[in-house]
Amino acid sequence: MATHLDLQEQEQVDALKAYWQQYGNLITWTLVAALLVYAGITGWQWWQRDQAGRAGAMFDEFEHAASAGDLDKTVRVWADLKERYPRTAYAEQAAMLTAKLQFDKGKVEQARESLGWVIEHAVDDNYKDLARVRLAGLLLDAKQYDAALKTLDGVPAGPFAALAADRRGDVLLAQGRKDDARAAYQQAYKAMDDKVEYRRLIDAKLTALGASPDAAATPAAPGASR
């Protein structure tokens, strides 16, 4: 019996050796590939955490400069931030804040360039859309109406669609296209949450154009159309 078991075990060992000779390399490389993928994912996550930590420390420095109104240092730190960590949320936030400070300091052209960087390089689409709305406002101030409208065309349906429609109304009104402006404001009014305070401003714009949303929602008195 023992001899029978020994022979059976030997046959299994021989079969295993033959199998390993045929498929051993394939199995080994598959395991290596799997380990590399795991290591890559783990390494990427570590790298992201490391990058975020370093970018966060730099962003703290940026915030101090921006809060102090130090435009030169703000721009300098942001330049370092976008060069070293361009694909982090910190770089996008810094670009938006830099643009605001530049605008407040009268550096409108530089503000436009900063917003343009967000539109071109931001990873988060929300930042891109907000930058488009703000850039359209600067183009409106510069009376570059066609460029402003083209910029707003890049804002899809989403969180900033209402603001984009409102800004489009401003541009169209500046062009003297009152009917088109009214339609844009109505779109903005309908798209914006009624709990948002800004909606009252859109209401005022529509009222000035003779299209008060409250009036439109009030049913006509009996016989009023006669």
Protein backbone atom coordinates (compact mmCIF):
# COMPACT_ATOMS: atom_id res chain seq x y z
CA MET A 1 0.00 0.00 0.00
CA ALA A 2 2.81 2.32 0.94
CA THR A 3 4.54 1.53 -2.32
CA HIS A 4 1.35 2.31 -4.21
CA LEU A 5 1.06 5.67 -2.45
CA ASP A 6 4.71 6.43 -3.10
CA LEU A 7 4.25 5.74 -6.79
CA GLN A 8 1.12 7.84 -6.90
CA GLU A 9 2.88 10.73 -5.17
CA GLN A 10 5.81 10.41 -7.57
CA GLU A 11 3.45 10.55 -10.52
CA GLN A 12 1.88 13.71 -9.10
CA VAL A 13 5.31 15.27 -8.56
CA ASP A 14 6.33 14.38 -12.12
CA ALA A 15 3.08 15.83 -13.47
CA LEU A 16 3.63 18.99 -11.47
CA LYS A 17 7.18 19.34 -12.79
CA ALA A 18 5.98 18.90 -16.35
CA TYR A 19 3.24 21.48 -15.82
CA TRP A 20 5.68 23.95 -14.30
CA GLN A 21 8.16 23.47 -17.14
CA GLN A 22 5.41 24.27 -19.63
CA TYR A 23 3.67 27.08 -17.81
CA GLY A 24 6.12 28.18 -15.12
CA ASN A 25 7.43 31.22 -16.97
CA LEU A 26 3.93 32.38 -17.85
CA ILE A 27 2.75 32.05 -14.25
CA THR A 28 5.86 33.80 -12.93
CA TRP A 29 5.50 36.74 -15.28
CA THR A 30 1.80 36.99 -14.53
CA LEU A 31 2.58 37.20 -10.83
CA VAL A 32 5.33 39.72 -11.49
CA ALA A 33 2.97 41.83 -13.57
CA ALA A 34 0.33 41.68 -10.85
CA LEU A 35 2.87 42.71 -8.24
CA LEU A 36 4.06 45.55 -10.45
CA VAL A 37 0.50 46.78 -10.89
CA TYR A 38 -0.06 46.61 -7.15
CA ALA A 39 3.23 48.36 -6.48
CA GLY A 40 2.40 50.94 -9.12
CA ILE A 41 -0.98 51.70 -7.58
CA THR A 42 0.47 51.83 -4.09
CA GLY A 43 3.36 53.98 -5.29
CA TRP A 44 1.02 56.29 -7.19
CA GLN A 45 -1.17 56.74 -4.13
CA TRP A 46 1.89 57.45 -2.00
CA TRP A 47 3.16 59.88 -4.64
CA GLN A 48 -0.20 61.65 -4.72
CA ARG A 49 -0.26 61.95 -0.93
CA ASP A 50 3.30 63.20 -0.94
CA GLN A 51 2.58 65.71 -3.70
CA ALA A 52 -0.58 66.89 -1.96
CA GLY A 53 1.32 67.34 1.31
CA ARG A 54 4.08 69.36 -0.32
CA ALA A 55 1.60 71.40 -2.37
CA GLY A 56 -0.47 72.02 0.75
CA ALA A 57 2.52 73.47 2.59
CA MET A 58 3.27 75.73 -0.35
CA PHE A 59 -0.39 76.76 -0.55
CA ASP A 60 -0.25 77.87 3.09
CA GLU A 61 2.55 80.23 2.14
CA PHE A 62 0.52 81.39 -0.84
CA GLU A 63 -2.53 82.13 1.32
CA HIS A 64 -0.50 84.24 3.74
CA ALA A 65 0.81 86.34 0.85
CA ALA A 66 -2.62 86.68 -0.75
CA SER A 67 -4.29 87.61 2.55
CA ALA A 68 -1.68 90.29 3.08
CA GLY A 69 -2.35 91.68 -0.39
CA ASP A 70 1.26 91.08 -1.42
CA LEU A 71 0.74 90.65 -5.14
CA ASP A 72 4.40 90.12 -6.05
CA LYS A 73 4.87 87.30 -3.54
CA THR A 74 1.45 85.82 -4.37
CA VAL A 75 2.34 85.60 -8.05
CA ARG A 76 5.80 84.24 -7.25
CA VAL A 77 4.52 81.46 -4.98
CA TRP A 78 1.76 80.57 -7.42
CA ALA A 79 4.33 80.33 -10.22
CA ASP A 80 6.26 77.80 -8.13
CA LEU A 81 3.08 75.95 -7.23
CA LYS A 82 1.87 75.55 -10.80
CA GLU A 83 5.34 74.54 -11.98
CA ARG A 84 5.89 71.86 -9.32
CA TYR A 85 2.36 70.69 -8.62
CA PRO A 86 0.20 71.72 -11.59
CA ARG A 87 -2.21 68.79 -11.31
CA THR A 88 -3.33 69.47 -7.75
CA ALA A 89 -6.40 71.32 -6.52
CA TYR A 90 -4.06 73.71 -4.73
CA ALA A 91 -2.71 75.00 -8.05
CA GLU A 92 -6.25 75.58 -9.35
CA GLN A 93 -7.38 77.37 -6.19
CA ALA A 94 -4.23 79.48 -6.17
CA ALA A 95 -4.79 80.47 -9.80
CA MET A 96 -8.33 81.66 -9.06
CA LEU A 97 -7.22 83.64 -6.00
CA THR A 98 -4.29 85.10 -7.90
CA ALA A 99 -6.63 86.27 -10.65
CA LYS A 100 -8.88 87.95 -8.09
CA LEU A 101 -5.98 89.75 -6.41
CA GLN A 102 -4.59 90.81 -9.78
CA PHE A 103 -7.99 92.22 -10.74
CA ASP A 104 -8.31 94.03 -7.39
CA LYS A 105 -4.88 95.56 -7.96
CA GLY A 106 -5.85 96.73 -11.46
CA LYS A 107 -3.76 94.11 -13.25
CA VAL A 108 -6.61 93.05 -15.50
CA GLU A 109 -4.52 91.55 -18.29
CA GLN A 110 -2.59 89.42 -15.82
CA ALA A 111 -5.90 88.32 -14.24
CA ARG A 112 -7.11 87.20 -17.64
CA GLU A 113 -3.93 85.19 -18.14
CA SER A 114 -4.33 83.50 -14.75
CA LEU A 115 -7.92 82.54 -15.56
CA GLY A 116 -6.76 81.31 -18.94
CA TRP A 117 -4.30 78.99 -17.20
CA VAL A 118 -7.16 77.48 -15.20
CA ILE A 119 -9.23 76.93 -18.33
CA GLU A 120 -6.29 75.31 -20.07
CA HIS A 121 -4.73 73.26 -17.29
CA ALA A 122 -7.15 72.66 -14.40
CA VAL A 123 -7.97 69.02 -13.68
CA ASP A 124 -11.35 69.82 -12.09
CA ASP A 125 -13.94 70.89 -14.69
CA ASN A 126 -15.75 73.00 -12.08
CA TYR A 127 -12.74 75.26 -11.79
CA LYS A 128 -12.58 75.53 -15.56
CA ASP A 129 -16.24 76.54 -15.80
CA LEU A 130 -15.98 79.10 -13.00
CA ALA A 131 -12.87 80.55 -14.65
CA ARG A 132 -14.78 80.85 -17.94
CA VAL A 133 -17.60 82.78 -16.25
CA ARG A 134 -15.15 85.15 -14.57
CA LEU A 135 -13.08 85.59 -17.71
CA ALA A 136 -16.24 86.41 -19.67
CA GLY A 137 -16.90 89.17 -17.16
CA LEU A 138 -13.47 90.68 -17.79
CA LEU A 139 -13.99 90.44 -21.55
CA LEU A 140 -17.37 92.14 -21.11
CA ASP A 141 -15.70 95.00 -19.24
CA ALA A 142 -13.25 95.30 -22.13
CA LYS A 143 -16.20 95.33 -24.59
CA GLN A 144 -14.90 92.19 -26.25
CA TYR A 145 -18.40 90.83 -26.56
CA ASP A 146 -17.85 88.11 -29.13
CA ALA A 147 -14.90 86.72 -27.17
CA ALA A 148 -17.00 86.77 -23.99
CA LEU A 149 -19.84 84.85 -25.63
CA LYS A 150 -17.41 82.33 -27.11
CA THR A 151 -15.87 81.80 -23.65
CA LEU A 152 -19.31 81.16 -22.16
CA ASP A 153 -20.05 78.61 -24.88
CA GLY A 154 -17.55 76.36 -23.15
CA VAL A 155 -19.67 76.11 -19.98
CA PRO A 156 -21.88 72.99 -20.23
CA ALA A 157 -24.99 72.17 -18.24
CA GLY A 158 -23.89 71.83 -14.65
CA PRO A 159 -23.26 73.78 -11.44
CA PHE A 160 -22.28 76.98 -13.24
CA ALA A 161 -24.80 76.90 -16.08
CA ALA A 162 -27.06 79.44 -14.37
CA LEU A 163 -24.22 81.88 -13.75
CA ALA A 164 -23.05 81.43 -17.34
CA ALA A 165 -26.55 82.19 -18.64
CA ASP A 166 -26.75 85.28 -16.45
CA ARG A 167 -23.39 86.52 -17.70
CA ARG A 168 -24.49 85.80 -21.27
CA GLY A 169 -27.50 88.02 -20.64
CA ASP A 170 -25.17 90.81 -19.49
CA VAL A 171 -23.12 90.53 -22.67
CA LEU A 172 -26.16 90.44 -24.94
CA LEU A 173 -27.68 93.42 -23.17
CA ALA A 174 -24.45 95.37 -23.63
CA GLN A 175 -24.74 94.58 -27.35
CA GLY A 176 -28.25 96.02 -27.38
CA ARG A 177 -29.85 92.62 -27.99
CA LYS A 178 -32.58 92.98 -25.38
CA ASP A 179 -34.77 90.07 -26.48
CA ASP A 180 -31.82 87.68 -26.45
CA ALA A 181 -30.67 89.08 -23.10
CA ARG A 182 -34.16 88.57 -21.64
CA ALA A 183 -34.18 84.95 -22.80
CA ALA A 184 -30.74 84.36 -21.26
CA TYR A 185 -31.82 85.88 -17.94
CA GLN A 186 -34.96 83.76 -17.93
CA GLN A 187 -32.84 80.66 -18.50
CA ALA A 188 -30.56 81.69 -15.63
CA TYR A 189 -33.51 82.39 -13.33
CA LYS A 190 -35.08 79.00 -13.98
CA ALA A 191 -31.78 77.13 -13.59
CA MET A 192 -30.75 78.79 -10.33
CA ASP A 193 -31.88 77.39 -6.99
CA ASP A 194 -34.54 79.63 -5.47
CA LYS A 195 -32.64 79.58 -2.17
CA VAL A 196 -29.64 81.33 -3.74
CA GLU A 197 -29.65 85.05 -2.97
CA TYR A 198 -28.15 85.89 -6.36
CA ARG A 199 -31.43 84.86 -7.98
CA ARG A 200 -32.97 88.12 -6.74
CA LEU A 201 -30.48 90.07 -8.85
CA ILE A 202 -31.52 88.14 -11.94
CA ASP A 203 -35.13 88.89 -10.99
CA ALA A 204 -34.25 92.61 -10.94
CA LYS A 205 -32.65 92.38 -14.38
CA LEU A 206 -35.73 90.71 -15.81
CA THR A 207 -38.00 93.27 -14.15
CA ALA A 208 -35.97 96.08 -15.75
CA LEU A 209 -36.58 94.42 -19.11
CA GLY A 210 -40.33 94.20 -18.44
CA ALA A 211 -40.30 90.46 -17.80
CA SER A 212 -40.62 90.12 -14.04
CA PRO A 213 -40.79 86.44 -13.08
CA ASP A 214 -43.34 87.30 -10.36
CA ALA A 215 -45.59 88.96 -12.90
CA ALA A 216 -45.30 86.00 -15.23
CA ALA A 217 -46.24 83.64 -12.42
CA THR A 218 -49.30 85.68 -11.36
CA PRO A 219 -52.46 84.52 -13.16
CA ALA A 220 -54.27 87.19 -15.12
CA ALA A 221 -57.50 88.56 -13.62
CA PRO A 222 -60.73 87.35 -15.22
CA GLY A 223 -61.57 89.38 -18.28
CA ALA A 224 -58.17 91.07 -18.30
CA SER A 225 -57.48 89.95 -21.83
CA ARG A 226 -60.67 91.46 -23.20
